[in-house]
PDB file of all heavy atoms in Angstrom:
ATOM      1  N   ASP A   1      16.075 -25.438   6.144  1.00  0.00           N
ATOM      2  CA  ASP A   1      16.722 -24.710   7.243  1.00  0.00           C
ATOM      3  C   ASP A   1      15.799 -24.526   8.445  1.00  0.00           C
ATOM      4  O   ASP A   1      16.153 -23.876   9.421  1.00  0.00           O
ATOM      5  CB  ASP A   1      17.244 -23.362   6.770  1.00  0.00           C
ATOM      6  CG  ASP A   1      16.128 -22.393   6.370  1.00  0.00           C
ATOM      7  OD1 ASP A   1      14.933 -22.758   6.436  1.00  0.00           O
ATOM      8  OD2 ASP A   1      16.462 -21.255   5.982  1.00  0.00           O
ATOM      9  N   HIS A   2      14.592 -25.070   8.363  1.00  0.00           N
ATOM     10  CA  HIS A   2      13.577 -24.997   9.413  1.00  0.00           C
ATOM     11  C   HIS A   2      13.108 -23.569   9.692  1.00  0.00           C
ATOM     12  O   HIS A   2      12.535 -23.296  10.734  1.00  0.00           O
ATOM     13  CB  HIS A   2      14.068 -25.643  10.721  1.00  0.00           C
ATOM     14  CG  HIS A   2      14.576 -27.031  10.543  1.00  0.00           C
ATOM     15  ND1 HIS A   2      13.743 -28.088  10.258  1.00  0.00           N
ATOM     16  CD2 HIS A   2      15.834 -27.534  10.574  1.00  0.00           C
ATOM     17  CE1 HIS A   2      14.472 -29.192  10.140  1.00  0.00           C
ATOM     18  NE2 HIS A   2      15.732 -28.880  10.317  1.00  0.00           N
ATOM     19  N   GLN A   3      13.363 -22.643   8.748  1.00  0.00           N
ATOM     20  CA  GLN A   3      13.021 -21.244   8.970  1.00  0.00           C
ATOM     21  C   GLN A   3      12.395 -20.549   7.763  1.00  0.00           C
ATOM     22  O   GLN A   3      11.546 -19.680   7.933  1.00  0.00           O
ATOM     23  CB  GLN A   3      14.276 -20.451   9.364  1.00  0.00           C
ATOM     24  CG  GLN A   3      14.918 -20.929  10.641  1.00  0.00           C
ATOM     25  CD  GLN A   3      16.217 -20.193  10.922  1.00  0.00           C
ATOM     26  OE1 GLN A   3      16.505 -19.160  10.361  1.00  0.00           O
ATOM     27  NE2 GLN A   3      17.019 -20.751  11.808  1.00  0.00           N
ATOM     28  N   ALA A   4      12.806 -20.877   6.576  1.00  0.00           N
ATOM     29  CA  ALA A   4      12.472 -20.090   5.385  1.00  0.00           C
ATOM     30  C   ALA A   4      10.981 -20.036   5.058  1.00  0.00           C
ATOM     31  O   ALA A   4      10.542 -19.112   4.372  1.00  0.00           O
ATOM     32  CB  ALA A   4      13.242 -20.624   4.176  1.00  0.00           C
ATOM     33  N   HIS A   5      10.190 -20.975   5.524  1.00  0.00           N
ATOM     34  CA  HIS A   5       8.746 -20.980   5.222  1.00  0.00           C
ATOM     35  C   HIS A   5       7.966 -20.014   6.110  1.00  0.00           C
ATOM     36  O   HIS A   5       6.793 -19.762   5.875  1.00  0.00           O
ATOM     37  CB  HIS A   5       8.183 -22.393   5.329  1.00  0.00           C
ATOM     38  CG  HIS A   5       8.340 -23.021   6.681  1.00  0.00           C
ATOM     39  ND1 HIS A   5       9.567 -23.240   7.264  1.00  0.00           N
ATOM     40  CD2 HIS A   5       7.415 -23.467   7.562  1.00  0.00           C
ATOM     41  CE1 HIS A   5       9.396 -23.798   8.450  1.00  0.00           C
ATOM     42  NE2 HIS A   5       8.092 -23.945   8.656  1.00  0.00           N
ATOM     43  N   LEU A   6       8.614 -19.461   7.137  1.00  0.00           N
ATOM     44  CA  LEU A   6       7.977 -18.529   8.061  1.00  0.00           C
ATOM     45  C   LEU A   6       8.753 -17.217   8.114  1.00  0.00           C
ATOM     46  O   LEU A   6       9.937 -17.171   7.795  1.00  0.00           O
ATOM     47  CB  LEU A   6       7.914 -19.130   9.467  1.00  0.00           C
ATOM     48  CG  LEU A   6       7.130 -20.427   9.616  1.00  0.00           C
ATOM     49  CD1 LEU A   6       7.304 -20.994  11.012  1.00  0.00           C
ATOM     50  CD2 LEU A   6       5.658 -20.208   9.310  1.00  0.00           C
ATOM     51  N   ALA A   7       8.072 -16.158   8.534  1.00  0.00           N
ATOM     52  CA  ALA A   7       8.707 -14.848   8.688  1.00  0.00           C
ATOM     53  C   ALA A   7       8.000 -14.089   9.801  1.00  0.00           C
ATOM     54  O   ALA A   7       6.871 -14.412  10.177  1.00  0.00           O
ATOM     55  CB  ALA A   7       8.635 -14.055   7.380  1.00  0.00           C
ATOM     56  N   TYR A   8       8.658 -13.074  10.304  1.00  0.00           N
ATOM     57  CA  TYR A   8       8.064 -12.228  11.337  1.00  0.00           C
ATOM     58  C   TYR A   8       7.323 -11.060  10.695  1.00  0.00           C
ATOM     59  O   TYR A   8       7.771 -10.507   9.688  1.00  0.00           O
ATOM     60  CB  TYR A   8       9.135 -11.690  12.281  1.00  0.00           C
ATOM     61  CG  TYR A   8       9.695 -12.758  13.189  1.00  0.00           C
ATOM     62  CD1 TYR A   8      10.844 -13.458  12.849  1.00  0.00           C
ATOM     63  CD2 TYR A   8       9.060 -13.073  14.379  1.00  0.00           C
ATOM     64  CE1 TYR A   8      11.352 -14.442  13.678  1.00  0.00           C
ATOM     65  CE2 TYR A   8       9.560 -14.064  15.216  1.00  0.00           C
ATOM     66  CZ  TYR A   8      10.706 -14.739  14.862  1.00  0.00           C
ATOM     67  OH  TYR A   8      11.195 -15.717  15.678  1.00  0.00           O
ATOM     68  N   ALA A   9       6.202 -10.690  11.302  1.00  0.00           N
ATOM     69  CA  ALA A   9       5.473  -9.503  10.860  1.00  0.00           C
ATOM     70  C   ALA A   9       6.294  -8.266  11.243  1.00  0.00           C
ATOM     71  O   ALA A   9       7.118  -8.310  12.157  1.00  0.00           O
ATOM     72  CB  ALA A   9       4.099  -9.447  11.514  1.00  0.00           C
ATOM     73  N   GLU A  10       6.054  -7.184  10.524  1.00  0.00           N
ATOM     74  CA  GLU A  10       6.754  -5.933  10.804  1.00  0.00           C
ATOM     75  C   GLU A  10       5.732  -4.820  10.961  1.00  0.00           C
ATOM     76  O   GLU A  10       4.622  -4.888  10.434  1.00  0.00           O
ATOM     77  CB  GLU A  10       7.713  -5.609   9.665  1.00  0.00           C
ATOM     78  CG  GLU A  10       8.813  -6.649   9.512  1.00  0.00           C
ATOM     79  CD  GLU A  10       9.754  -6.330   8.364  1.00  0.00           C
ATOM     80  OE1 GLU A  10       9.548  -5.308   7.671  1.00  0.00           O
ATOM     81  OE2 GLU A  10      10.698  -7.094   8.157  1.00  0.00           O
ATOM     82  N   TRP A  11       6.097  -3.779  11.691  1.00  0.00           N
ATOM     83  CA  TRP A  11       5.215  -2.623  11.869  1.00  0.00           C
ATOM     84  C   TRP A  11       5.199  -1.785  10.606  1.00  0.00           C
ATOM     85  O   TRP A  11       6.240  -1.487  10.025  1.00  0.00           O
ATOM     86  CB  TRP A  11       5.700  -1.773  13.037  1.00  0.00           C
ATOM     87  CG  TRP A  11       5.616  -2.469  14.359  1.00  0.00           C
ATOM     88  CD1 TRP A  11       6.639  -3.070  15.046  1.00  0.00           C
ATOM     89  CD2 TRP A  11       4.439  -2.675  15.144  1.00  0.00           C
ATOM     90  NE1 TRP A  11       6.170  -3.629  16.208  1.00  0.00           N
ATOM     91  CE2 TRP A  11       4.825  -3.394  16.297  1.00  0.00           C
ATOM     92  CE3 TRP A  11       3.104  -2.325  14.991  1.00  0.00           C
ATOM     93  CZ2 TRP A  11       3.930  -3.761  17.285  1.00  0.00           C
ATOM     94  CZ3 TRP A  11       2.213  -2.688  15.986  1.00  0.00           C
ATOM     95  CH2 TRP A  11       2.615  -3.395  17.117  1.00  0.00           C
ATOM     96  N   ASN A  12       4.000  -1.390  10.164  1.00  0.00           N
ATOM     97  CA  ASN A  12       3.920  -0.489   9.011  1.00  0.00           C
ATOM     98  C   ASN A  12       3.781   0.953   9.510  1.00  0.00           C
ATOM     99  O   ASN A  12       3.771   1.215  10.710  1.00  0.00           O
ATOM    100  CB  ASN A  12       2.777  -0.886   8.071  1.00  0.00           C
ATOM    101  CG  ASN A  12       1.395  -0.689   8.677  1.00  0.00           C
ATOM    102  OD1 ASN A  12       1.220  -0.057   9.717  1.00  0.00           O
ATOM    103  ND2 ASN A  12       0.384  -1.241   8.027  1.00  0.00           N
ATOM    104  N   ARG A  13       3.676   1.886   8.596  1.00  0.00           N
ATOM    105  CA  ARG A  13       3.608   3.308   8.969  1.00  0.00           C
ATOM    106  C   ARG A  13       2.338   3.668   9.719  1.00  0.00           C
ATOM    107  O   ARG A  13       2.269   4.678  10.390  1.00  0.00           O
ATOM    108  CB  ARG A  13       3.736   4.172   7.720  1.00  0.00           C
ATOM    109  CG  ARG A  13       5.106   4.075   7.122  1.00  0.00           C
ATOM    110  CD  ARG A  13       5.227   4.966   5.922  1.00  0.00           C
ATOM    111  NE  ARG A  13       6.548   4.800   5.345  1.00  0.00           N
ATOM    112  CZ  ARG A  13       6.972   5.464   4.310  1.00  0.00           C
ATOM    113  NH1 ARG A  13       6.177   6.319   3.698  1.00  0.00           N
ATOM    114  NH2 ARG A  13       8.177   5.275   3.852  1.00  0.00           N
ATOM    115  N   SER A  14       1.310   2.823   9.614  1.00  0.00           N
ATOM    116  CA  SER A  14       0.049   3.069  10.316  1.00  0.00           C
ATOM    117  C   SER A  14       0.046   2.471  11.719  1.00  0.00           C
ATOM    118  O   SER A  14      -0.957   2.523  12.418  1.00  0.00           O
ATOM    119  CB  SER A  14      -1.116   2.471   9.519  1.00  0.00           C
ATOM    120  OG  SER A  14      -1.191   3.061   8.250  1.00  0.00           O
ATOM    121  N   GLY A  15       1.158   1.848  12.120  1.00  0.00           N
ATOM    122  CA  GLY A  15       1.243   1.256  13.443  1.00  0.00           C
ATOM    123  C   GLY A  15       0.626  -0.124  13.553  1.00  0.00           C
ATOM    124  O   GLY A  15       0.300  -0.573  14.638  1.00  0.00           O
ATOM    125  N   GLN A  16       0.449  -0.794  12.404  1.00  0.00           N
ATOM    126  CA  GLN A  16      -0.108  -2.142  12.394  1.00  0.00           C
ATOM    127  C   GLN A  16       0.987  -3.132  12.034  1.00  0.00           C
ATOM    128  O   GLN A  16       1.875  -2.832  11.245  1.00  0.00           O
ATOM    129  CB  GLN A  16      -1.224  -2.253  11.372  1.00  0.00           C
ATOM    130  CG  GLN A  16      -2.394  -1.354  11.643  1.00  0.00           C
ATOM    131  CD  GLN A  16      -3.380  -1.384  10.485  1.00  0.00           C
ATOM    132  OE1 GLN A  16      -2.997  -1.309   9.315  1.00  0.00           O
ATOM    133  NE2 GLN A  16      -4.653  -1.492  10.813  1.00  0.00           N
ATOM    134  N   LYS A  17       0.889  -4.327  12.599  1.00  0.00           N
ATOM    135  CA  LYS A  17       1.819  -5.386  12.218  1.00  0.00           C
ATOM    136  C   LYS A  17       1.290  -6.049  10.960  1.00  0.00           C
ATOM    137  O   LYS A  17       0.128  -6.447  10.910  1.00  0.00           O
ATOM    138  CB  LYS A  17       1.967  -6.410  13.334  1.00  0.00           C
ATOM    139  CG  LYS A  17       2.981  -6.016  14.369  1.00  0.00           C
ATOM    140  CD  LYS A  17       3.365  -7.207  15.196  1.00  0.00           C
ATOM    141  CE  LYS A  17       4.769  -7.022  15.692  1.00  0.00           C
ATOM    142  NZ  LYS A  17       5.240  -8.174  16.440  1.00  0.00           N
ATOM    143  N   VAL A  18       2.130  -6.166   9.953  1.00  0.00           N
ATOM    144  CA  VAL A  18       1.738  -6.780   8.693  1.00  0.00           C
ATOM    145  C   VAL A  18       2.797  -7.784   8.256  1.00  0.00           C
ATOM    146  O   VAL A  18       3.974  -7.656   8.557  1.00  0.00           O
ATOM    147  CB  VAL A  18       1.526  -5.721   7.579  1.00  0.00           C
ATOM    148  CG1 VAL A  18       0.375  -4.800   7.923  1.00  0.00           C
ATOM    149  CG2 VAL A  18       2.785  -4.908   7.347  1.00  0.00           C
ATOM    150  N   CYS A  19       2.342  -8.801   7.521  1.00  0.00           N
ATOM    151  CA  CYS A  19       3.244  -9.810   6.988  1.00  0.00           C
ATOM    152  C   CYS A  19       3.906  -9.286   5.714  1.00  0.00           C
ATOM    153  O   CYS A  19       3.291  -8.536   4.957  1.00  0.00           O
ATOM    154  CB  CYS A  19       2.467 -11.089   6.686  1.00  0.00           C
ATOM    155  SG  CYS A  19       1.903 -11.954   8.157  1.00  0.00           S
ATOM    156  N   PRO A  20       5.145  -9.718   5.449  1.00  0.00           N
ATOM    157  CA  PRO A  20       5.794  -9.318   4.201  1.00  0.00           C
ATOM    158  C   PRO A  20       5.128 -10.001   3.007  1.00  0.00           C
ATOM    159  O   PRO A  20       4.505 -11.058   3.155  1.00  0.00           O
ATOM    160  CB  PRO A  20       7.237  -9.795   4.380  1.00  0.00           C
ATOM    161  CG  PRO A  20       7.168 -10.893   5.384  1.00  0.00           C
ATOM    162  CD  PRO A  20       6.003 -10.577   6.273  1.00  0.00           C
ATOM    163  N   PRO A  21       5.248  -9.427   1.816  1.00  0.00           N
ATOM    164  CA  PRO A  21       4.620 -10.021   0.620  1.00  0.00           C
ATOM    165  C   PRO A  21       5.068 -11.449   0.340  1.00  0.00           C
ATOM    166  O   PRO A  21       4.313 -12.236  -0.212  1.00  0.00           O
ATOM    167  CB  PRO A  21       5.042  -9.093  -0.511  1.00  0.00           C
ATOM    168  CG  PRO A  21       5.515  -7.839   0.127  1.00  0.00           C
ATOM    169  CD  PRO A  21       5.930  -8.186   1.526  1.00  0.00           C
ATOM    170  N   THR A  22       6.274 -11.801   0.755  1.00  0.00           N
ATOM    171  CA  THR A  22       6.784 -13.157   0.535  1.00  0.00           C
ATOM    172  C   THR A  22       6.134 -14.191   1.443  1.00  0.00           C
ATOM    173  O   THR A  22       6.182 -15.382   1.166  1.00  0.00           O
ATOM    174  CB  THR A  22       8.301 -13.201   0.766  1.00  0.00           C
ATOM    175  OG1 THR A  22       8.568 -12.724   2.103  1.00  0.00           O
ATOM    176  CG2 THR A  22       9.046 -12.344  -0.259  1.00  0.00           C
ATOM    177  N   HIS A  23       5.547 -13.736   2.539  1.00  0.00           N
ATOM    178  CA  HIS A  23       4.905 -14.613   3.530  1.00  0.00           C
ATOM    179  C   HIS A  23       3.577 -13.967   3.942  1.00  0.00           C
ATOM    180  O   HIS A  23       3.429 -13.482   5.059  1.00  0.00           O
ATOM    181  CB  HIS A  23       5.813 -14.804   4.747  1.00  0.00           C
ATOM    182  CG  HIS A  23       7.081 -15.511   4.438  1.00  0.00           C
ATOM    183  ND1 HIS A  23       8.128 -14.930   3.762  1.00  0.00           N
ATOM    184  CD2 HIS A  23       7.463 -16.782   4.693  1.00  0.00           C
ATOM    185  CE1 HIS A  23       9.112 -15.806   3.628  1.00  0.00           C
ATOM    186  NE2 HIS A  23       8.729 -16.942   4.186  1.00  0.00           N
ATOM    187  N   PRO A  24       2.586 -13.976   3.058  1.00  0.00           N
ATOM    188  CA  PRO A  24       1.378 -13.175   3.263  1.00  0.00           C
ATOM    189  C   PRO A  24       0.321 -13.742   4.220  1.00  0.00           C
ATOM    190  O   PRO A  24      -0.621 -13.047   4.566  1.00  0.00           O
ATOM    191  CB  PRO A  24       0.794 -13.100   1.854  1.00  0.00           C
ATOM    192  CG  PRO A  24       1.220 -14.385   1.211  1.00  0.00           C
ATOM    193  CD  PRO A  24       2.597 -14.656   1.758  1.00  0.00           C
ATOM    194  N   VAL A  25       0.474 -14.990   4.654  1.00  0.00           N
ATOM    195  CA  VAL A  25      -0.569 -15.618   5.466  1.00  0.00           C
ATOM    196  C   VAL A  25      -0.262 -15.428   6.957  1.00  0.00           C
ATOM    197  O   VAL A  25       0.737 -15.930   7.460  1.00  0.00           O
ATOM    198  CB  VAL A  25      -0.689 -17.120   5.139  1.00  0.00           C
ATOM    199  CG1 VAL A  25      -1.787 -17.764   5.972  1.00  0.00           C
ATOM    200  CG2 VAL A  25      -0.945 -17.324   3.658  1.00  0.00           C
ATOM    201  N   LEU A  26      -1.146 -14.705   7.646  1.00  0.00           N
ATOM    202  CA  LEU A  26      -0.995 -14.479   9.080  1.00  0.00           C
ATOM    203  C   LEU A  26      -1.444 -15.726   9.841  1.00  0.00           C
ATOM    204  O   LEU A  26      -2.517 -16.267   9.589  1.00  0.00           O
ATOM    205  CB  LEU A  26      -1.849 -13.278   9.499  1.00  0.00           C
ATOM    206  CG  LEU A  26      -1.727 -12.835  10.953  1.00  0.00           C
ATOM    207  CD1 LEU A  26      -0.315 -12.321  11.227  1.00  0.00           C
ATOM    208  CD2 LEU A  26      -2.741 -11.750  11.245  1.00  0.00           C
ATOM    209  N   ILE A  27      -0.601 -16.204  10.748  1.00  0.00           N
ATOM    210  CA  ILE A  27      -0.921 -17.369  11.572  1.00  0.00           C
ATOM    211  C   ILE A  27      -0.792 -16.967  13.050  1.00  0.00           C
ATOM    212  O   ILE A  27      -0.143 -15.963  13.369  1.00  0.00           O
ATOM    213  CB  ILE A  27       0.000 -18.572  11.245  1.00  0.00           C
ATOM    214  CG1 ILE A  27       1.470 -18.203  11.438  1.00  0.00           C
ATOM    215  CG2 ILE A  27      -0.250 -19.065   9.826  1.00  0.00           C
ATOM    216  CD1 ILE A  27       2.450 -19.354  11.243  1.00  0.00           C
ATOM    217  N   PRO A  28      -1.406 -17.719  13.963  1.00  0.00           N
ATOM    218  CA  PRO A  28      -1.270 -17.380  15.383  1.00  0.00           C
ATOM    219  C   PRO A  28       0.190 -17.427  15.820  1.00  0.00           C
ATOM    220  O   PRO A  28       0.947 -18.308  15.403  1.00  0.00           O
ATOM    221  CB  PRO A  28      -2.075 -18.463  16.100  1.00  0.00           C
ATOM    222  CG  PRO A  28      -3.007 -18.994  15.067  1.00  0.00           C
ATOM    223  CD  PRO A  28      -2.288 -18.865  13.759  1.00  0.00           C
ATOM    224  N   GLN A  29       0.570 -16.486  16.631  1.00  0.00           N
ATOM    225  CA  GLN A  29       1.933 -16.482  17.150  1.00  0.00           C
ATOM    226  C   GLN A  29       1.981 -17.231  18.471  1.00  0.00           C
ATOM    227  O   GLN A  29       1.186 -16.980  19.373  1.00  0.00           O
ATOM    228  CB  GLN A  29       2.446 -15.062  17.362  1.00  0.00           C
ATOM    229  CG  GLN A  29       3.900 -15.046  17.816  1.00  0.00           C
ATOM    230  CD  GLN A  29       4.450 -13.646  17.954  1.00  0.00           C
ATOM    231  OE1 GLN A  29       3.802 -12.763  18.487  1.00  0.00           O
ATOM    232  NE2 GLN A  29       5.649 -13.442  17.441  1.00  0.00           N
ATOM    233  N   ILE A  30       2.903 -18.160  18.565  1.00  0.00           N
ATOM    234  CA  ILE A  30       3.128 -18.918  19.788  1.00  0.00           C
ATOM    235  C   ILE A  30       4.290 -18.258  20.525  1.00  0.00           C
ATOM    236  O   ILE A  30       5.343 -18.011  19.940  1.00  0.00           O
ATOM    237  CB  ILE A  30       3.487 -20.391  19.487  1.00  0.00           C
ATOM    238  CG1 ILE A  30       2.407 -21.066  18.641  1.00  0.00           C
ATOM    239  CG2 ILE A  30       3.773 -21.153  20.768  1.00  0.00           C
ATOM    240  CD1 ILE A  30       1.064 -21.189  19.296  1.00  0.00           C
TER     241      ILE A  30
END
């Protein structure tokens, strides 16, 4: 589907953007 291998980071309660457990590797955002 050209999408399932990637996900968007979300804000946590500490105000940091974190990746979901299903997509744990942070990559540069274009």
